[in-house]
Amino acid sequence: VALESKNVLRTTLQKEAIQTSKKFNEKKFIQSFNELLNKITK
């Protein structure tokens, strides 16, 4: 259940990130987002 919740959270965050990245430098934003996501999901 916890793993499933993490996957839902990850998917939700990725959708938000995709929308947000349109307003920012995408490569830089996605890199920092992935670093943040790694910290959250460890």
Protein backbone atom coordinates (compact mmCIF):
# COMPACT_ATOMS: atom_id res chain seq x y z
CA VAL A 1 0.00 0.00 0.00
CA ALA A 2 2.82 2.40 0.89
CA LEU A 3 4.57 1.68 -2.41
CA GLU A 4 1.34 2.26 -4.31
CA SER A 5 0.84 5.57 -2.52
CA LYS A 6 4.38 6.61 -3.45
CA ASN A 7 3.67 5.82 -7.10
CA VAL A 8 0.49 7.89 -7.02
CA LEU A 9 2.37 10.73 -5.36
CA ARG A 10 5.16 10.46 -7.94
CA THR A 11 2.69 10.54 -10.84
CA THR A 12 0.88 13.54 -9.36
CA LEU A 13 4.12 15.41 -8.79
CA GLN A 14 5.31 14.63 -12.31
CA LYS A 15 2.07 16.00 -13.79
CA GLU A 16 2.49 19.17 -11.73
CA ALA A 17 6.13 19.39 -12.75
CA ILE A 18 5.30 19.08 -16.44
CA GLN A 19 2.87 21.98 -16.20
CA THR A 20 5.25 24.07 -14.09
CA SER A 21 8.24 23.34 -16.31
CA LYS A 22 6.50 25.10 -19.20
CA LYS A 23 7.04 28.33 -17.27
CA PHE A 24 10.71 27.66 -16.47
CA ASN A 25 13.86 26.45 -18.12
CA GLU A 26 12.71 22.86 -18.58
CA LYS A 27 15.99 20.97 -18.40
CA LYS A 28 17.17 22.78 -15.29
CA PHE A 29 13.78 22.46 -13.61
CA ILE A 30 13.38 18.76 -14.40
CA GLN A 31 16.87 18.04 -13.09
CA SER A 32 16.20 19.77 -9.77
CA PHE A 33 12.74 18.20 -9.61
CA ASN A 34 14.20 14.72 -10.06
CA GLU A 35 16.72 15.41 -7.30
CA LEU A 36 13.90 16.50 -5.01
CA LEU A 37 11.81 13.48 -5.94
CA ASN A 38 14.71 11.17 -5.13
CA LYS A 39 14.97 12.72 -1.67
CA ILE A 40 11.22 12.35 -1.08
CA THR A 41 11.00 8.71 -2.19
CA LYS A 42 14.10 7.39 -0.38
